[in-house]
Protein backbone atom coordinates (compact mmCIF):
# COMPACT_ATOMS: atom_id res chain seq x y z
CA MET A 1 108.53 90.07 103.29
CA GLY A 2 109.78 93.44 102.14
CA TYR A 3 112.94 94.50 100.35
CA ALA A 4 114.35 98.01 100.50
CA THR A 5 116.66 98.76 97.60
CA LYS A 6 118.94 101.46 96.33
CA ASN A 7 120.03 101.55 92.69
CA SER A 8 118.54 98.07 92.13
CA HIS A 9 120.51 96.49 94.98
CA ILE A 10 118.76 95.06 98.03
CA THR A 11 119.88 97.05 101.08
CA GLN A 12 117.48 95.71 103.68
CA VAL A 13 115.09 92.79 104.16
CA VAL A 14 112.04 93.60 106.29
CA GLU A 15 110.36 90.48 107.67
CA ASN A 16 106.86 91.95 108.09
CA GLY A 17 106.89 93.97 104.88
CA LEU A 18 107.25 97.66 104.21
CA ILE A 19 104.75 100.31 105.26
CA ASP A 20 105.01 102.38 102.07
CA PRO A 21 106.06 100.06 99.21
CA THR A 22 106.54 101.38 95.70
CA ILE A 23 106.19 97.98 94.00
CA ILE A 24 104.01 95.06 95.08
CA VAL A 25 104.95 91.51 94.04
CA THR A 26 102.41 88.75 94.55
CA ALA A 27 103.17 85.16 93.55
CA THR A 28 101.94 81.69 94.33
CA GLU A 29 104.38 79.34 96.04
CA ASP A 30 104.04 76.95 93.09
CA ALA A 31 105.00 79.70 90.63
CA ILE A 32 108.06 80.59 92.71
CA SER A 33 109.07 76.91 92.83
CA ARG A 34 108.67 76.55 89.06
CA ILE A 35 110.74 79.68 88.40
CA ARG A 36 113.48 78.63 90.84
CA GLY A 37 113.67 75.10 89.44
CA SER A 38 113.51 76.04 85.77
CA LYS A 39 116.37 75.66 83.29
CA ASP A 40 115.11 78.92 81.77
CA PRO A 41 113.83 80.96 84.72
CA MET A 42 113.03 84.08 82.71
CA ALA A 43 110.83 82.16 80.24
CA THR A 44 109.11 80.48 83.18
CA PHE A 45 108.66 83.86 84.86
CA TRP A 46 106.87 85.19 81.75
CA LYS A 47 104.66 82.08 81.57
CA GLU A 48 103.73 82.39 85.25
CA ARG A 49 103.06 86.10 84.82
CA LYS A 50 100.86 85.44 81.78
CA ARG A 51 98.94 82.84 83.81
CA LYS A 52 98.54 85.47 86.57
CA ARG A 53 100.46 83.39 89.10
CA VAL A 54 103.02 86.20 89.42
CA ASP A 55 101.96 89.82 89.54
CA ILE A 56 104.24 92.84 89.82
CA ARG A 57 102.63 96.26 90.12
CA GLY A 58 103.97 99.74 90.54
CA TRP A 59 102.24 101.72 93.28
CA ASP A 60 103.01 105.19 91.93
CA VAL A 61 103.84 106.79 88.58
CA ALA A 62 107.62 106.55 89.12
CA SER A 63 107.56 102.87 90.07
CA LYS A 64 105.24 102.06 87.15
CA ALA A 65 107.77 103.69 84.80
CA LYS A 66 110.63 101.73 86.44
CA LEU A 67 108.72 98.49 85.92
CA GLU A 68 108.09 99.28 82.25
CA ALA A 69 111.83 99.82 81.82
CA ALA A 70 112.60 96.67 83.79
CA PHE A 71 110.36 94.52 81.63
CA ALA A 72 112.13 95.88 78.55
CA SER A 73 115.61 95.07 79.91
CA ALA A 74 117.09 91.62 80.44
CA GLY A 75 119.43 92.96 83.15
CA ALA A 76 116.60 94.47 85.12
CA LEU A 77 114.56 91.31 84.70
CA SER A 78 117.38 89.37 86.26
CA PHE A 79 116.98 91.67 89.30
CA VAL A 80 113.30 90.66 89.48
CA HIS A 81 114.38 87.02 89.18
CA ASN A 82 116.80 87.47 92.08
CA ILE A 83 114.00 88.85 94.23
CA LEU A 84 111.76 85.91 93.33
CA ASN A 85 114.59 83.55 94.25
CA ARG A 86 114.74 85.10 97.73
CA LEU A 87 111.01 84.86 98.40
CA GLU A 88 109.98 82.95 101.46
CA SER A 89 106.40 84.16 101.41
CA THR A 90 103.95 84.80 98.62
CA HIS A 91 103.58 88.53 99.19
CA VAL A 92 106.42 91.02 98.91
CA ARG A 93 106.42 94.74 99.48
CA TYR A 94 109.31 96.42 97.71
CA SER A 95 110.56 99.97 98.01
CA ASP A 96 113.32 101.57 95.96
CA SER A 97 114.94 104.33 97.98
CA SER A 98 116.63 105.78 94.90
CA ARG A 99 113.38 107.51 93.87
């Protein structure tokens, strides 16, 4: 599953993933279920990430910088949470067209 975005808003969902993603999200189905069902999804996200059941990586320098900013901002983290809520598969290719 791939998500194309512009200015942190999903503009397109690509069923078979994106060819040139800028951010790769990998998560186990159990981690996604725990995050979705949690009373505190952000705390659960951090636990799952620490346990390496959720991994988010920037593919290039710009996307790595965006991720650093996102992990420092609650608003941006809620964007990541929204993506995790939409997951139907365990591998997502994400591209931000605002770069």
